[in-house]
Amino acid sequence: QEVLSGLIELHCFAGGYAGLTLQEDGRANLCL
């Protein structure tokens, strides 16, 4: 959680991409 604090990440892969960021309850939201 500390690593991801203040960040939005975009991970690219063959045929798509995934976004990752922390939300208000402390869980990370991984959308692909």
PDB file of all heavy atoms in Angstrom:
ATOM      1  N   GLN A   1       0.831  -1.201   0.000  1.00  0.00           N
ATOM      2  CA  GLN A   1       0.000   0.000   0.000  1.00  0.00           C
ATOM      3  C   GLN A   1       0.864   1.250   0.000  1.00  0.00           C
ATOM      4  O   GLN A   1       0.557   2.229  -0.683  1.00  0.00           O
ATOM      5  CB  GLN A   1      -0.934  -0.004   1.210  1.00  0.00           C
ATOM      6  CG  GLN A   1      -2.045  -1.032   1.149  1.00  0.00           C
ATOM      7  CD  GLN A   1      -3.000  -0.902   2.310  1.00  0.00           C
ATOM      8  OE1 GLN A   1      -3.383   0.199   2.692  1.00  0.00           O
ATOM      9  NE2 GLN A   1      -3.399  -2.030   2.887  1.00  0.00           N
ATOM     10  N   GLU A   2       1.951   1.212   0.734  1.00  0.00           N
ATOM     11  CA  GLU A   2       2.856   2.361   0.774  1.00  0.00           C
ATOM     12  C   GLU A   2       3.503   2.583  -0.587  1.00  0.00           C
ATOM     13  O   GLU A   2       3.667   3.725  -1.035  1.00  0.00           O
ATOM     14  CB  GLU A   2       3.932   2.134   1.837  1.00  0.00           C
ATOM     15  CG  GLU A   2       4.875   3.300   2.040  1.00  0.00           C
ATOM     16  CD  GLU A   2       4.190   4.551   2.560  1.00  0.00           C
ATOM     17  OE1 GLU A   2       3.143   4.434   3.224  1.00  0.00           O
ATOM     18  OE2 GLU A   2       4.703   5.663   2.294  1.00  0.00           O
ATOM     19  N   VAL A   3       3.869   1.501  -1.269  1.00  0.00           N
ATOM     20  CA  VAL A   3       4.465   1.606  -2.611  1.00  0.00           C
ATOM     21  C   VAL A   3       3.499   2.297  -3.574  1.00  0.00           C
ATOM     22  O   VAL A   3       3.900   3.130  -4.401  1.00  0.00           O
ATOM     23  CB  VAL A   3       4.843   0.207  -3.134  1.00  0.00           C
ATOM     24  CG1 VAL A   3       5.216   0.265  -4.627  1.00  0.00           C
ATOM     25  CG2 VAL A   3       5.999  -0.362  -2.333  1.00  0.00           C
ATOM     26  N   LEU A   4       2.206   1.975  -3.486  1.00  0.00           N
ATOM     27  CA  LEU A   4       1.209   2.496  -4.428  1.00  0.00           C
ATOM     28  C   LEU A   4       0.642   3.857  -4.028  1.00  0.00           C
ATOM     29  O   LEU A   4      -0.103   4.467  -4.804  1.00  0.00           O
ATOM     30  CB  LEU A   4       0.053   1.495  -4.557  1.00  0.00           C
ATOM     31  CG  LEU A   4       0.364   0.166  -5.245  1.00  0.00           C
ATOM     32  CD1 LEU A   4      -0.850  -0.747  -5.209  1.00  0.00           C
ATOM     33  CD2 LEU A   4       0.809   0.394  -6.688  1.00  0.00           C
ATOM     34  N   SER A   5       0.972   4.332  -2.848  1.00  0.00           N
ATOM     35  CA  SER A   5       0.400   5.593  -2.375  1.00  0.00           C
ATOM     36  C   SER A   5       0.704   6.738  -3.338  1.00  0.00           C
ATOM     37  O   SER A   5       1.867   6.971  -3.702  1.00  0.00           O
ATOM     38  CB  SER A   5       0.969   5.925  -0.989  1.00  0.00           C
ATOM     39  OG  SER A   5       0.420   7.130  -0.504  1.00  0.00           O
ATOM     40  N   GLY A   6      -0.339   7.439  -3.769  1.00  0.00           N
ATOM     41  CA  GLY A   6      -0.185   8.582  -4.665  1.00  0.00           C
ATOM     42  C   GLY A   6       0.006   8.233  -6.126  1.00  0.00           C
ATOM     43  O   GLY A   6       0.139   9.126  -6.961  1.00  0.00           O
ATOM     44  N   LEU A   7      -0.032   6.937  -6.463  1.00  0.00           N
ATOM     45  CA  LEU A   7       0.248   6.491  -7.829  1.00  0.00           C
ATOM     46  C   LEU A   7      -0.995   5.937  -8.514  1.00  0.00           C
ATOM     47  O   LEU A   7      -1.879   5.377  -7.870  1.00  0.00           O
ATOM     48  CB  LEU A   7       1.290   5.371  -7.829  1.00  0.00           C
ATOM     49  CG  LEU A   7       2.767   5.700  -7.697  1.00  0.00           C
ATOM     50  CD1 LEU A   7       3.555   4.403  -7.703  1.00  0.00           C
ATOM     51  CD2 LEU A   7       3.234   6.615  -8.815  1.00  0.00           C
ATOM     52  N   ILE A   8      -1.029   6.077  -9.824  1.00  0.00           N
ATOM     53  CA  ILE A   8      -1.852   5.218 -10.655  1.00  0.00           C
ATOM     54  C   ILE A   8      -0.900   4.517 -11.613  1.00  0.00           C
ATOM     55  O   ILE A   8      -0.018   5.154 -12.208  1.00  0.00           O
ATOM     56  CB  ILE A   8      -2.955   5.977 -11.409  1.00  0.00           C
ATOM     57  CG1 ILE A   8      -3.815   4.978 -12.202  1.00  0.00           C
ATOM     58  CG2 ILE A   8      -2.405   7.089 -12.304  1.00  0.00           C
ATOM     59  CD1 ILE A   8      -5.122   5.548 -12.706  1.00  0.00           C
ATOM     60  N   GLU A   9      -1.026   3.198 -11.710  1.00  0.00           N
ATOM     61  CA  GLU A   9      -0.135   2.417 -12.559  1.00  0.00           C
ATOM     62  C   GLU A   9      -0.888   1.930 -13.795  1.00  0.00           C
ATOM     63  O   GLU A   9      -2.071   1.583 -13.714  1.00  0.00           O
ATOM     64  CB  GLU A   9       0.414   1.205 -11.801  1.00  0.00           C
ATOM     65  CG  GLU A   9       1.287   1.569 -10.616  1.00  0.00           C
ATOM     66  CD  GLU A   9       1.930   0.354  -9.973  1.00  0.00           C
ATOM     67  OE1 GLU A   9       1.443  -0.783 -10.208  1.00  0.00           O
ATOM     68  OE2 GLU A   9       2.922   0.528  -9.249  1.00  0.00           O
ATOM     69  N   LEU A  10      -0.174   1.881 -14.917  1.00  0.00           N
ATOM     70  CA  LEU A  10      -0.713   1.311 -16.148  1.00  0.00           C
ATOM     71  C   LEU A  10       0.235   0.226 -16.619  1.00  0.00           C
ATOM     72  O   LEU A  10       1.414   0.501 -16.905  1.00  0.00           O
ATOM     73  CB  LEU A  10      -0.872   2.385 -17.227  1.00  0.00           C
ATOM     74  CG  LEU A  10      -1.479   1.906 -18.547  1.00  0.00           C
ATOM     75  CD1 LEU A  10      -2.936   1.481 -18.336  1.00  0.00           C
ATOM     76  CD2 LEU A  10      -1.413   3.002 -19.605  1.00  0.00           C
ATOM     77  N   HIS A  11      -0.260  -1.003 -16.674  1.00  0.00           N
ATOM     78  CA  HIS A  11       0.534  -2.158 -17.080  1.00  0.00           C
ATOM     79  C   HIS A  11       0.046  -2.624 -18.456  1.00  0.00           C
ATOM     80  O   HIS A  11      -1.120  -2.989 -18.624  1.00  0.00           O
ATOM     81  CB  HIS A  11       0.376  -3.290 -16.068  1.00  0.00           C
ATOM     82  CG  HIS A  11       0.802  -2.925 -14.683  1.00  0.00           C
ATOM     83  ND1 HIS A  11       2.062  -3.191 -14.195  1.00  0.00           N
ATOM     84  CD2 HIS A  11       0.124  -2.293 -13.669  1.00  0.00           C
ATOM     85  CE1 HIS A  11       2.149  -2.753 -12.948  1.00  0.00           C
ATOM     86  NE2 HIS A  11       0.987  -2.213 -12.604  1.00  0.00           N
ATOM     87  N   CYS A  12       0.926  -2.602 -19.435  1.00  0.00           N
ATOM     88  CA  CYS A  12       0.574  -2.981 -20.811  1.00  0.00           C
ATOM     89  C   CYS A  12       0.942  -4.442 -21.068  1.00  0.00           C
ATOM     90  O   CYS A  12       1.968  -4.936 -20.578  1.00  0.00           O
ATOM     91  CB  CYS A  12       1.311  -2.095 -21.813  1.00  0.00           C
ATOM     92  SG  CYS A  12       1.008  -0.322 -21.602  1.00  0.00           S
ATOM     93  N   PHE A  13       0.120  -5.115 -21.846  1.00  0.00           N
ATOM     94  CA  PHE A  13       0.398  -6.498 -22.223  1.00  0.00           C
ATOM     95  C   PHE A  13      -0.230  -6.761 -23.589  1.00  0.00           C
ATOM     96  O   PHE A  13      -0.995  -5.932 -24.107  1.00  0.00           O
ATOM     97  CB  PHE A  13      -0.137  -7.479 -21.176  1.00  0.00           C
ATOM     98  CG  PHE A  13      -1.609  -7.354 -20.898  1.00  0.00           C
ATOM     99  CD1 PHE A  13      -2.545  -8.052 -21.647  1.00  0.00           C
ATOM    100  CD2 PHE A  13      -2.067  -6.520 -19.885  1.00  0.00           C
ATOM    101  CE1 PHE A  13      -3.906  -7.936 -21.405  1.00  0.00           C
ATOM    102  CE2 PHE A  13      -3.427  -6.402 -19.619  1.00  0.00           C
ATOM    103  CZ  PHE A  13      -4.343  -7.107 -20.383  1.00  0.00           C
ATOM    104  N   ALA A  14       0.079  -7.881 -24.178  1.00  0.00           N
ATOM    105  CA  ALA A  14      -0.426  -8.202 -25.511  1.00  0.00           C
ATOM    106  C   ALA A  14      -1.942  -8.294 -25.491  1.00  0.00           C
ATOM    107  O   ALA A  14      -2.514  -9.130 -24.804  1.00  0.00           O
ATOM    108  CB  ALA A  14       0.173  -9.515 -25.998  1.00  0.00           C
ATOM    109  N   GLY A  15      -2.575  -7.398 -26.223  1.00  0.00           N
ATOM    110  CA  GLY A  15      -4.027  -7.428 -26.332  1.00  0.00           C
ATOM    111  C   GLY A  15      -4.772  -6.652 -25.274  1.00  0.00           C
ATOM    112  O   GLY A  15      -6.006  -6.720 -25.232  1.00  0.00           O
ATOM    113  N   GLY A  16      -4.069  -5.887 -24.449  1.00  0.00           N
ATOM    114  CA  GLY A  16      -4.797  -5.117 -23.440  1.00  0.00           C
ATOM    115  C   GLY A  16      -3.900  -4.355 -22.494  1.00  0.00           C
ATOM    116  O   GLY A  16      -2.695  -4.185 -22.715  1.00  0.00           O
ATOM    117  N   TYR A  17      -4.489  -3.906 -21.410  1.00  0.00           N
ATOM    118  CA  TYR A  17      -3.768  -3.129 -20.404  1.00  0.00           C
ATOM    119  C   TYR A  17      -4.544  -3.200 -19.099  1.00  0.00           C
ATOM    120  O   TYR A  17      -5.741  -3.530 -19.072  1.00  0.00           O
ATOM    121  CB  TYR A  17      -3.618  -1.665 -20.847  1.00  0.00           C
ATOM    122  CG  TYR A  17      -4.931  -1.003 -21.183  1.00  0.00           C
ATOM    123  CD1 TYR A  17      -5.716  -0.396 -20.205  1.00  0.00           C
ATOM    124  CD2 TYR A  17      -5.407  -1.004 -22.494  1.00  0.00           C
ATOM    125  CE1 TYR A  17      -6.936   0.183 -20.521  1.00  0.00           C
ATOM    126  CE2 TYR A  17      -6.624  -0.419 -22.814  1.00  0.00           C
ATOM    127  CZ  TYR A  17      -7.381   0.173 -21.826  1.00  0.00           C
ATOM    128  OH  TYR A  17      -8.583   0.741 -22.136  1.00  0.00           O
ATOM    129  N   ALA A  18      -3.856  -2.904 -17.991  1.00  0.00           N
ATOM    130  CA  ALA A  18      -4.475  -2.941 -16.672  1.00  0.00           C
ATOM    131  C   ALA A  18      -4.079  -1.696 -15.898  1.00  0.00           C
ATOM    132  O   ALA A  18      -2.914  -1.289 -15.920  1.00  0.00           O
ATOM    133  CB  ALA A  18      -4.044  -4.194 -15.907  1.00  0.00           C
ATOM    134  N   GLY A  19      -5.046  -1.082 -15.219  1.00  0.00           N
ATOM    135  CA  GLY A  19      -4.786   0.062 -14.357  1.00  0.00           C
ATOM    136  C   GLY A  19      -4.929  -0.351 -12.905  1.00  0.00           C
ATOM    137  O   GLY A  19      -5.791  -1.157 -12.553  1.00  0.00           O
ATOM    138  N   LEU A  20      -4.070   0.200 -12.044  1.00  0.00           N
ATOM    139  CA  LEU A  20      -4.063  -0.168 -10.628  1.00  0.00           C
ATOM    140  C   LEU A  20      -3.858   1.066  -9.775  1.00  0.00           C
ATOM    141  O   LEU A  20      -2.927   1.848 -10.007  1.00  0.00           O
ATOM    142  CB  LEU A  20      -2.942  -1.180 -10.353  1.00  0.00           C
ATOM    143  CG  LEU A  20      -2.822  -1.696  -8.920  1.00  0.00           C
ATOM    144  CD1 LEU A  20      -4.015  -2.584  -8.570  1.00  0.00           C
ATOM    145  CD2 LEU A  20      -1.515  -2.463  -8.730  1.00  0.00           C
ATOM    146  N   THR A  21      -4.737   1.250  -8.774  1.00  0.00           N
ATOM    147  CA  THR A  21      -4.584   2.361  -7.833  1.00  0.00           C
ATOM    148  C   THR A  21      -5.336   2.033  -6.556  1.00  0.00           C
ATOM    149  O   THR A  21      -6.262   1.221  -6.549  1.00  0.00           O
ATOM    150  CB  THR A  21      -5.103   3.677  -8.453  1.00  0.00           C
ATOM    151  OG1 THR A  21      -4.757   4.775  -7.612  1.00  0.00           O
ATOM    152  CG2 THR A  21      -6.605   3.654  -8.625  1.00  0.00           C
ATOM    153  N   LEU A  22      -4.916   2.654  -5.458  1.00  0.00           N
ATOM    154  CA  LEU A  22      -5.597   2.475  -4.177  1.00  0.00           C
ATOM    155  C   LEU A  22      -6.863   3.313  -4.131  1.00  0.00           C
ATOM    156  O   LEU A  22      -6.920   4.407  -4.705  1.00  0.00           O
ATOM    157  CB  LEU A  22      -4.677   2.883  -3.024  1.00  0.00           C
ATOM    158  CG  LEU A  22      -3.448   2.017  -2.761  1.00  0.00           C
ATOM    159  CD1 LEU A  22      -2.612   2.647  -1.657  1.00  0.00           C
ATOM    160  CD2 LEU A  22      -3.843   0.592  -2.374  1.00  0.00           C
ATOM    161  N   GLN A  23      -7.875   2.820  -3.406  1.00  0.00           N
ATOM    162  CA  GLN A  23      -9.099   3.587  -3.221  1.00  0.00           C
ATOM    163  C   GLN A  23      -9.327   3.882  -1.743  1.00  0.00           C
ATOM    164  O   GLN A  23      -8.495   3.565  -0.896  1.00  0.00           O
ATOM    165  CB  GLN A  23     -10.281   2.873  -3.864  1.00  0.00           C
ATOM    166  CG  GLN A  23     -10.120   2.802  -5.379  1.00  0.00           C
ATOM    167  CD  GLN A  23     -11.370   2.434  -6.130  1.00  0.00           C
ATOM    168  OE1 GLN A  23     -12.068   1.511  -5.742  1.00  0.00           O
ATOM    169  NE2 GLN A  23     -11.653   3.148  -7.206  1.00  0.00           N
ATOM    170  N   GLU A  24     -10.468   4.510  -1.441  1.00  0.00           N
ATOM    171  CA  GLU A  24     -10.661   5.110  -0.121  1.00  0.00           C
ATOM    172  C   GLU A  24     -10.642   4.104   1.024  1.00  0.00           C
ATOM    173  O   GLU A  24     -10.299   4.453   2.165  1.00  0.00           O
ATOM    174  CB  GLU A  24     -11.953   5.926  -0.093  1.00  0.00           C
ATOM    175  CG  GLU A  24     -13.250   5.133  -0.077  1.00  0.00           C
ATOM    176  CD  GLU A  24     -13.699   4.670  -1.442  1.00  0.00           C
ATOM    177  OE1 GLU A  24     -12.977   4.933  -2.445  1.00  0.00           O
ATOM    178  OE2 GLU A  24     -14.768   4.045  -1.531  1.00  0.00           O
ATOM    179  N   ASP A  25     -10.982   2.855   0.753  1.00  0.00           N
ATOM    180  CA  ASP A  25     -11.034   1.867   1.831  1.00  0.00           C
ATOM    181  C   ASP A  25      -9.716   1.118   2.004  1.00  0.00           C
ATOM    182  O   ASP A  25      -9.638   0.165   2.786  1.00  0.00           O
ATOM    183  CB  ASP A  25     -12.177   0.875   1.591  1.00  0.00           C
ATOM    184  CG  ASP A  25     -12.019   0.094   0.297  1.00  0.00           C
ATOM    185  OD1 ASP A  25     -11.027   0.309  -0.426  1.00  0.00           O
ATOM    186  OD2 ASP A  25     -12.898  -0.745   0.000  1.00  0.00           O
ATOM    187  N   GLY A  26      -8.677   1.532   1.267  1.00  0.00           N
ATOM    188  CA  GLY A  26      -7.374   0.899   1.382  1.00  0.00           C
ATOM    189  C   GLY A  26      -7.154  -0.244   0.427  1.00  0.00           C
ATOM    190  O   GLY A  26      -6.007  -0.704   0.265  1.00  0.00           O
ATOM    191  N   ARG A  27      -8.212  -0.741  -0.218  1.00  0.00           N
ATOM    192  CA  ARG A  27      -8.038  -1.793  -1.206  1.00  0.00           C
ATOM    193  C   ARG A  27      -7.545  -1.195  -2.527  1.00  0.00           C
ATOM    194  O   ARG A  27      -7.770  -0.016  -2.816  1.00  0.00           O
ATOM    195  CB  ARG A  27      -9.336  -2.545  -1.441  1.00  0.00           C
ATOM    196  CG  ARG A  27      -9.811  -3.371  -0.257  1.00  0.00           C
ATOM    197  CD  ARG A  27     -11.110  -4.079  -0.561  1.00  0.00           C
ATOM    198  NE  ARG A  27     -12.189  -3.132  -0.837  1.00  0.00           N
ATOM    199  CZ  ARG A  27     -13.388  -3.485  -1.289  1.00  0.00           C
ATOM    200  NH1 ARG A  27     -13.644  -4.755  -1.540  1.00  0.00           N
ATOM    201  NH2 ARG A  27     -14.320  -2.577  -1.501  1.00  0.00           N
ATOM    202  N   ALA A  28      -6.879  -2.018  -3.311  1.00  0.00           N
ATOM    203  CA  ALA A  28      -6.436  -1.592  -4.633  1.00  0.00           C
ATOM    204  C   ALA A  28      -7.480  -1.994  -5.666  1.00  0.00           C
ATOM    205  O   ALA A  28      -8.049  -3.089  -5.602  1.00  0.00           O
ATOM    206  CB  ALA A  28      -5.092  -2.220  -4.979  1.00  0.00           C
ATOM    207  N   ASN A  29      -7.722  -1.104  -6.600  1.00  0.00           N
ATOM    208  CA  ASN A  29      -8.671  -1.340  -7.683  1.00  0.00           C
ATOM    209  C   ASN A  29      -7.875  -1.712  -8.930  1.00  0.00           C
ATOM    210  O   ASN A  29      -7.109  -0.904  -9.453  1.00  0.00           O
ATOM    211  CB  ASN A  29      -9.495  -0.078  -7.929  1.00  0.00           C
ATOM    212  CG  ASN A  29     -10.730  -0.348  -8.758  1.00  0.00           C
ATOM    213  OD1 ASN A  29     -11.501  -1.244  -8.461  1.00  0.00           O
ATOM    214  ND2 ASN A  29     -10.928   0.439  -9.804  1.00  0.00           N
ATOM    215  N   LEU A  30      -8.030  -2.944  -9.379  1.00  0.00           N
ATOM    216  CA  LEU A  30      -7.337  -3.428 -10.577  1.00  0.00           C
ATOM    217  C   LEU A  30      -8.360  -3.560 -11.689  1.00  0.00           C
ATOM    218  O   LEU A  30      -9.210  -4.462 -11.663  1.00  0.00           O
ATOM    219  CB  LEU A  30      -6.663  -4.776 -10.296  1.00  0.00           C
ATOM    220  CG  LEU A  30      -5.982  -5.459 -11.501  1.00  0.00           C
ATOM    221  CD1 LEU A  30      -4.852  -4.590 -12.051  1.00  0.00           C
ATOM    222  CD2 LEU A  30      -5.461  -6.841 -11.102  1.00  0.00           C
ATOM    223  N   CYS A  31      -8.295  -2.650 -12.655  1.00  0.00           N
ATOM    224  CA  CYS A  31      -9.220  -2.664 -13.801  1.00  0.00           C
ATOM    225  C   CYS A  31      -8.444  -3.018 -15.054  1.00  0.00           C
ATOM    226  O   CYS A  31      -7.385  -2.444 -15.322  1.00  0.00           O
ATOM    227  CB  CYS A  31      -9.888  -1.294 -13.970  1.00  0.00           C
ATOM    228  SG  CYS A  31     -11.333  -1.090 -12.931  1.00  0.00           S
ATOM    229  N   LEU A  32      -8.993  -3.907 -15.822  1.00  0.00           N
ATOM    230  CA  LEU A  32      -8.308  -4.433 -16.993  1.00  0.00           C
ATOM    231  C   LEU A  32      -9.226  -4.361 -18.203  1.00  0.00           C
ATOM    232  O   LEU A  32     -10.429  -4.629 -18.102  1.00  0.00           O
ATOM    233  CB  LEU A  32      -7.904  -5.882 -16.699  1.00  0.00           C
ATOM    234  CG  LEU A  32      -7.189  -6.721 -17.736  1.00  0.00           C
ATOM    235  CD1 LEU A  32      -6.313  -7.747 -17.022  1.00  0.00           C
ATOM    236  CD2 LEU A  32      -8.184  -7.455 -18.623  1.00  0.00           C
TER     237      LEU A  32
END
